[in-house]
C-alpha atoms as a PDB file:
ATOM      1  CA  MET A   1      12.490  -4.092 -13.897  1.00  0.00           C
ATOM      2  CA  ARG A   2       8.893  -4.644 -11.722  1.00  0.00           C
ATOM      3  CA  ALA A   3       7.547  -1.221 -10.601  1.00  0.00           C
ATOM      4  CA  PHE A   4       5.375   0.827  -8.547  1.00  0.00           C
ATOM      5  CA  VAL A   5       4.145   4.274  -6.944  1.00  0.00           C
ATOM      6  CA  ALA A   6       4.090   3.914  -3.135  1.00  0.00           C
ATOM      7  CA  VAL A   7       3.280   5.890   0.145  1.00  0.00           C
ATOM      8  CA  GLU A   8       5.094   4.319   2.696  1.00  0.00           C
ATOM      9  CA  ILE A   9       4.260   4.010   6.652  1.00  0.00           C
ATOM     10  CA  GLU A  10       8.241   4.556   8.504  1.00  0.00           C
ATOM     11  CA  ASP A  11       6.568   5.344  11.861  1.00  0.00           C
ATOM     12  CA  ASP A  12       7.940   2.362  13.850  1.00  0.00           C
ATOM     13  CA  GLY A  13       5.035   2.649  16.515  1.00  0.00           C
ATOM     14  CA  ILE A  14       2.230   2.204  14.169  1.00  0.00           C
ATOM     15  CA  LEU A  15       4.279  -0.551  12.139  1.00  0.00           C
ATOM     16  CA  ASP A  16       5.045  -2.235  15.665  1.00  0.00           C
ATOM     17  CA  ALA A  17       0.653  -1.693  15.970  1.00  0.00           C
ATOM     18  CA  ILE A  18       0.500  -3.578  12.859  1.00  0.00           C
ATOM     19  CA  THR A  19       2.725  -6.190  13.590  1.00  0.00           C
ATOM     20  CA  LYS A  20       0.908  -6.979  16.709  1.00  0.00           C
ATOM     21  CA  ILE A  21      -2.492  -7.354  15.015  1.00  0.00           C
ATOM     22  CA  GLN A  22      -0.558 -10.036  12.654  1.00  0.00           C
ATOM     23  CA  SER A  23       0.489 -11.827  15.124  1.00  0.00           C
ATOM     24  CA  ASP A  24      -3.362 -11.754  16.543  1.00  0.00           C
ATOM     25  CA  PHE A  25      -4.702 -13.515  13.550  1.00  0.00           C
ATOM     26  CA  HIS A  26      -3.585 -17.835  13.382  1.00  0.00           C
ATOM     27  CA  ILE A  27      -3.485 -18.622   9.742  1.00  0.00           C
ATOM     28  CA  LYS A  28      -1.835 -20.149   6.964  1.00  0.00           C
ATOM     29  CA  ALA A  29      -0.521 -16.824   4.612  1.00  0.00           C
ATOM     30  CA  THR A  30       2.073 -14.842   4.110  1.00  0.00           C
ATOM     31  CA  ALA A  31       2.684 -11.528   6.479  1.00  0.00           C
ATOM     32  CA  VAL A  32       3.754  -8.468   4.557  1.00  0.00           C
ATOM     33  CA  ASN A  33       7.135  -7.566   6.525  1.00  0.00           C
ATOM     34  CA  LYS A  34       6.944  -4.774   8.662  1.00  0.00           C
ATOM     35  CA  LYS A  35       9.756  -2.987   6.625  1.00  0.00           C
ATOM     36  CA  ASN A  36       7.483  -3.177   3.107  1.00  0.00           C
ATOM     37  CA  MET A  37       4.419  -2.011   4.462  1.00  0.00           C
ATOM     38  CA  HIS A  38       3.029   0.840   2.006  1.00  0.00           C
ATOM     39  CA  PHE A  39       0.226   1.753  -0.150  1.00  0.00           C
ATOM     40  CA  THR A  40       0.494   0.971  -3.434  1.00  0.00           C
ATOM     41  CA  LEU A  41      -0.739   4.126  -5.509  1.00  0.00           C
ATOM     42  CA  LEU A  42      -0.109   2.554  -8.724  1.00  0.00           C
ATOM     43  CA  PHE A  43       1.084  -0.480 -10.100  1.00  0.00           C
ATOM     44  CA  LEU A  44       3.262   0.003 -12.927  1.00  0.00           C
ATOM     45  CA  GLY A  45       4.690  -3.716 -13.834  1.00  0.00           C
ATOM     46  CA  GLU A  46       7.284  -4.471 -15.910  1.00  0.00           C
ATOM     47  CA  VAL A  47       9.129  -0.836 -16.861  1.00  0.00           C
ATOM     48  CA  SER A  48      12.026  -1.278 -19.224  1.00  0.00           C
ATOM     49  CA  GLU A  49      15.412   1.000 -18.246  1.00  0.00           C
ATOM     50  CA  GLU A  50      14.699   3.134 -20.929  1.00  0.00           C
ATOM     51  CA  THR A  51      10.864   4.439 -19.157  1.00  0.00           C
ATOM     52  CA  ILE A  52      12.302   5.128 -15.885  1.00  0.00           C
ATOM     53  CA  PRO A  53      13.713   8.944 -17.341  1.00  0.00           C
ATOM     54  CA  ASP A  54      10.161   9.498 -18.241  1.00  0.00           C
ATOM     55  CA  ILE A  55       8.381   8.241 -15.164  1.00  0.00           C
ATOM     56  CA  LYS A  56      11.308   9.982 -12.808  1.00  0.00           C
ATOM     57  CA  LYS A  57      10.150  12.955 -14.611  1.00  0.00           C
ATOM     58  CA  ALA A  58       5.999  12.771 -14.836  1.00  0.00           C
ATOM     59  CA  LEU A  59       5.973  11.861 -10.850  1.00  0.00           C
ATOM     60  CA  ALA A  60       8.544  15.274 -10.170  1.00  0.00           C
ATOM     61  CA  THR A  61       5.351  17.394 -11.518  1.00  0.00           C
ATOM     62  CA  ILE A  62       3.271  15.808  -8.905  1.00  0.00           C
ATOM     63  CA  SER A  63       2.269  18.806  -5.878  1.00  0.00           C
ATOM     64  CA  PHE A  64       0.487  17.843  -2.887  1.00  0.00           C
ATOM     65  CA  LYS A  65       0.837  18.820   0.699  1.00  0.00           C
ATOM     66  CA  ARG A  66       1.885  16.640   3.789  1.00  0.00           C
ATOM     67  CA  PHE A  67      -1.452  15.139   5.309  1.00  0.00           C
ATOM     68  CA  LYS A  68      -2.317  12.447   8.019  1.00  0.00           C
ATOM     69  CA  VAL A  69      -3.366   8.881   8.025  1.00  0.00           C
ATOM     70  CA  GLU A  70      -5.767   7.285  10.172  1.00  0.00           C
ATOM     71  CA  PHE A  71      -5.999   3.588  10.561  1.00  0.00           C
ATOM     72  CA  THR A  72      -9.099   2.482  12.032  1.00  0.00           C
ATOM     73  CA  HIS A  73      -9.798  -1.187  10.860  1.00  0.00           C
ATOM     74  CA  VAL A  74      -9.518  -4.254   9.342  1.00  0.00           C
ATOM     75  CA  GLY A  75     -10.631  -6.000   5.881  1.00  0.00           C
ATOM     76  CA  ALA A  76     -10.154  -8.559   3.622  1.00  0.00           C
ATOM     77  CA  PHE A  77     -10.712  -8.978  -0.235  1.00  0.00           C
ATOM     78  CA  PRO A  78     -12.836 -10.066  -1.671  1.00  0.00           C
ATOM     79  CA  ASN A  79     -14.558 -10.875   1.916  1.00  0.00           C
ATOM     80  CA  PRO A  80     -13.323 -12.437   5.248  1.00  0.00           C
ATOM     81  CA  ARG A  81     -15.191 -15.735   3.967  1.00  0.00           C
ATOM     82  CA  SER A  82     -12.569 -16.286   1.764  1.00  0.00           C
ATOM     83  CA  PRO A  83      -9.509 -14.306   1.951  1.00  0.00           C
ATOM     84  CA  ARG A  84      -6.995 -12.955  -0.397  1.00  0.00           C
ATOM     85  CA  VAL A  85      -5.497 -10.472   1.214  1.00  0.00           C
ATOM     86  CA  ILE A  86      -5.911  -9.061   5.098  1.00  0.00           C
ATOM     87  CA  TRP A  87      -5.096  -5.105   5.124  1.00  0.00           C
ATOM     88  CA  ILE A  88      -5.444  -2.005   7.500  1.00  0.00           C
ATOM     89  CA  GLY A  89      -8.085   0.769   6.492  1.00  0.00           C
ATOM     90  CA  VAL A  90      -8.118   3.903   7.222  1.00  0.00           C
ATOM     91  CA  ASP A  91     -10.878   6.886   8.053  1.00  0.00           C
ATOM     92  CA  ASP A  92     -12.623   8.766   5.695  1.00  0.00           C
ATOM     93  CA  GLN A  93     -10.504  11.661   5.053  1.00  0.00           C
ATOM     94  CA  SER A  94      -7.659   9.760   4.529  1.00  0.00           C
ATOM     95  CA  SER A  95      -9.104   7.634   2.244  1.00  0.00           C
ATOM     96  CA  LYS A  96     -10.155  10.633   0.248  1.00  0.00           C
ATOM     97  CA  GLN A  97      -6.659  11.893   0.228  1.00  0.00           C
ATOM     98  CA  LEU A  98      -5.020   8.923  -0.533  1.00  0.00           C
ATOM     99  CA  VAL A  99      -7.368   8.533  -3.757  1.00  0.00           C
ATOM    100  CA  ASP A 100      -6.605  12.176  -4.576  1.00  0.00           C
ATOM    101  CA  LEU A 101      -2.667  11.844  -4.416  1.00  0.00           C
ATOM    102  CA  ALA A 102      -3.528   8.305  -6.464  1.00  0.00           C
ATOM    103  CA  LEU A 103      -5.557  10.427  -9.104  1.00  0.00           C
ATOM    104  CA  GLN A 104      -2.775  12.641  -9.624  1.00  0.00           C
ATOM    105  CA  VAL A 105       0.018   9.602 -10.486  1.00  0.00           C
ATOM    106  CA  GLU A 106      -2.641   8.384 -12.366  1.00  0.00           C
ATOM    107  CA  LYS A 107      -3.022  11.399 -14.278  1.00  0.00           C
ATOM    108  CA  LYS A 108       0.915  12.328 -14.859  1.00  0.00           C
ATOM    109  CA  LEU A 109       1.526   8.302 -15.642  1.00  0.00           C
ATOM    110  CA  GLY A 110      -1.207   7.908 -18.070  1.00  0.00           C
ATOM    111  CA  PRO A 111       0.003   9.713 -21.001  1.00  0.00           C
ATOM    112  CA  LEU A 112       3.194   7.045 -20.946  1.00  0.00           C
ATOM    113  CA  GLY A 113       0.738   4.432 -20.680  1.00  0.00           C
ATOM    114  CA  PHE A 114       0.219   2.945 -17.117  1.00  0.00           C
ATOM    115  CA  ARG A 115      -3.674   2.658 -16.144  1.00  0.00           C
ATOM    116  CA  PRO A 116      -4.908   1.141 -12.933  1.00  0.00           C
ATOM    117  CA  ASP A 117      -6.424  -2.241 -13.097  1.00  0.00           C
ATOM    118  CA  LYS A 118      -9.230  -1.707 -10.750  1.00  0.00           C
ATOM    119  CA  PRO A 119      -9.884   1.848  -9.030  1.00  0.00           C
ATOM    120  CA  PHE A 120      -7.567   2.686  -6.175  1.00  0.00           C
ATOM    121  CA  LYS A 121      -8.874   1.724  -2.848  1.00  0.00           C
ATOM    122  CA  PRO A 122      -6.790   2.511   0.074  1.00  0.00           C
ATOM    123  CA  HIS A 123      -5.432  -0.389   2.013  1.00  0.00           C
ATOM    124  CA  LEU A 124      -2.330  -1.867   3.425  1.00  0.00           C
ATOM    125  CA  THR A 125      -1.809  -4.720   3.052  1.00  0.00           C
ATOM    126  CA  ILE A 126      -0.482  -7.184   6.081  1.00  0.00           C
ATOM    127  CA  PHE A 127      -0.951 -11.042   4.362  1.00  0.00           C
ATOM    128  CA  ARG A 128      -1.427 -12.506   1.267  1.00  0.00           C
ATOM    129  CA  VAL A 129      -3.274 -15.965   0.921  1.00  0.00           C
ATOM    130  CA  LYS A 130      -2.111 -18.256  -1.173  1.00  0.00           C
ATOM    131  CA  SER A 131      -4.712 -21.373  -0.233  1.00  0.00           C
ATOM    132  CA  ARG A 132      -8.129 -21.498   0.805  1.00  0.00           C
ATOM    133  CA  ILE A 133      -7.877 -20.890   4.386  1.00  0.00           C
ATOM    134  CA  ASP A 134     -11.387 -20.913   6.526  1.00  0.00           C
ATOM    135  CA  ASP A 135     -13.629 -18.300   7.146  1.00  0.00           C
ATOM    136  CA  ILE A 136     -11.811 -14.927   9.431  1.00  0.00           C
ATOM    137  CA  SER A 137     -15.098 -13.325   9.841  1.00  0.00           C
ATOM    138  CA  GLY A 138     -14.866 -12.931  13.568  1.00  0.00           C
ATOM    139  CA  THR A 139     -11.169 -12.104  13.585  1.00  0.00           C
ATOM    140  CA  ILE A 140     -11.850  -9.054  11.098  1.00  0.00           C
ATOM    141  CA  GLU A 141     -15.016  -8.777  13.449  1.00  0.00           C
ATOM    142  CA  ARG A 142     -12.544  -7.813  16.447  1.00  0.00           C
ATOM    143  CA  PHE A 143     -10.693  -5.308  14.743  1.00  0.00           C
ATOM    144  CA  LYS A 144     -13.713  -3.545  13.064  1.00  0.00           C
ATOM    145  CA  LYS A 145     -12.208  -1.112  14.845  1.00  0.00           C
ATOM    146  CA  VAL A 146      -8.929  -0.173  15.628  1.00  0.00           C
ATOM    147  CA  ASP A 147      -6.715   3.268  16.763  1.00  0.00           C
ATOM    148  CA  LEU A 148      -3.596   2.700  15.522  1.00  0.00           C
ATOM    149  CA  GLY A 149      -2.276   5.960  15.197  1.00  0.00           C
ATOM    150  CA  LYS A 150      -1.412   8.648  12.602  1.00  0.00           C
ATOM    151  CA  TYR A 151       0.981   9.207  10.115  1.00  0.00           C
ATOM    152  CA  THR A 152       1.838  12.036   8.067  1.00  0.00           C
ATOM    153  CA  MET A 153       2.678  11.673   4.719  1.00  0.00           C
ATOM    154  CA  THR A 154       5.557  13.583   3.186  1.00  0.00           C
ATOM    155  CA  GLU A 155       6.018  12.317   0.307  1.00  0.00           C
ATOM    156  CA  LEU A 156       5.612   9.410  -2.303  1.00  0.00           C
ATOM    157  CA  LYS A 157       8.198   6.874  -3.751  1.00  0.00           C
ATOM    158  CA  LEU A 158       8.889   4.841  -7.309  1.00  0.00           C
ATOM    159  CA  LYS A 159       9.455   2.009  -6.229  1.00  0.00           C
ATOM    160  CA  GLN A 160      11.429  -1.392  -7.427  1.00  0.00           C
ATOM    161  CA  SER A 161      10.890  -4.651  -6.603  1.00  0.00           C
ATOM    162  CA  VAL A 162      12.585  -7.524  -6.999  1.00  0.00           C
ATOM    163  CA  LEU A 163      10.785 -10.641  -6.308  1.00  0.00           C
ATOM    164  CA  THR A 164      12.939 -13.362  -4.079  1.00  0.00           C
ATOM    165  CA  PRO A 165      11.818 -16.841  -2.766  1.00  0.00           C
ATOM    166  CA  ASN A 166      11.807 -15.020   0.882  1.00  0.00           C
ATOM    167  CA  GLY A 167       9.622 -11.969  -0.443  1.00  0.00           C
ATOM    168  CA  PRO A 168      10.128  -9.211  -1.996  1.00  0.00           C
ATOM    169  CA  VAL A 169      12.960  -6.761  -1.883  1.00  0.00           C
ATOM    170  CA  TYR A 170      11.706  -3.051  -2.554  1.00  0.00           C
ATOM    171  CA  SER A 171      14.372  -0.171  -3.316  1.00  0.00           C
ATOM    172  CA  ASP A 172      13.934   3.466  -4.108  1.00  0.00           C
ATOM    173  CA  LEU A 173      14.191   4.757  -7.720  1.00  0.00           C
ATOM    174  CA  GLN A 174      12.778   8.231  -6.660  1.00  0.00           C
ATOM    175  CA  VAL A 175      11.249  10.115  -3.794  1.00  0.00           C
ATOM    176  CA  VAL A 176       8.984  13.176  -4.629  1.00  0.00           C
ATOM    177  CA  LEU A 177       8.891  14.587  -1.376  1.00  0.00           C
ATOM    178  CA  ALA A 178       5.070  16.195  -0.246  1.00  0.00           C
ATOM    179  CA  GLN A 179       5.262  20.641  -0.371  1.00  0.00           C
END
């Protein structure tokens, strides 16, 4: 099964504000459904059913305090001139806390053979761009500073991802609550 560890956004006000930003982009790209908004702390890829109990056991030992995440800007990977992913970013304090949590996940799952393919950079994907689109620097510039609110992170989740023609379908395999 395809799996990942994430922190989800479940605040309707913030999700609605993100949906509004998505509607301001007039591009040919796949918008992420608001029910699928999350920070991927570690993508695990294809995982055997037999490995899931070990992953759950390792994640259950993670200890973290609830913290606020402030959504502050929009960006693009690799850049706005040739975007592949358009995302919402967070302030420096939120970024540090998310990075710390991702490092804990990496440390706990490393012994099971799971490693990130690149350093974790906190971002909430709002579009995936499949084919080349025009430069969106102007639109990104408009959202260089936004205030979408603050969300209190209270849990991390082990998620299953099933790819369908209508987009991915996520389900919870485990929820780890903040202390």
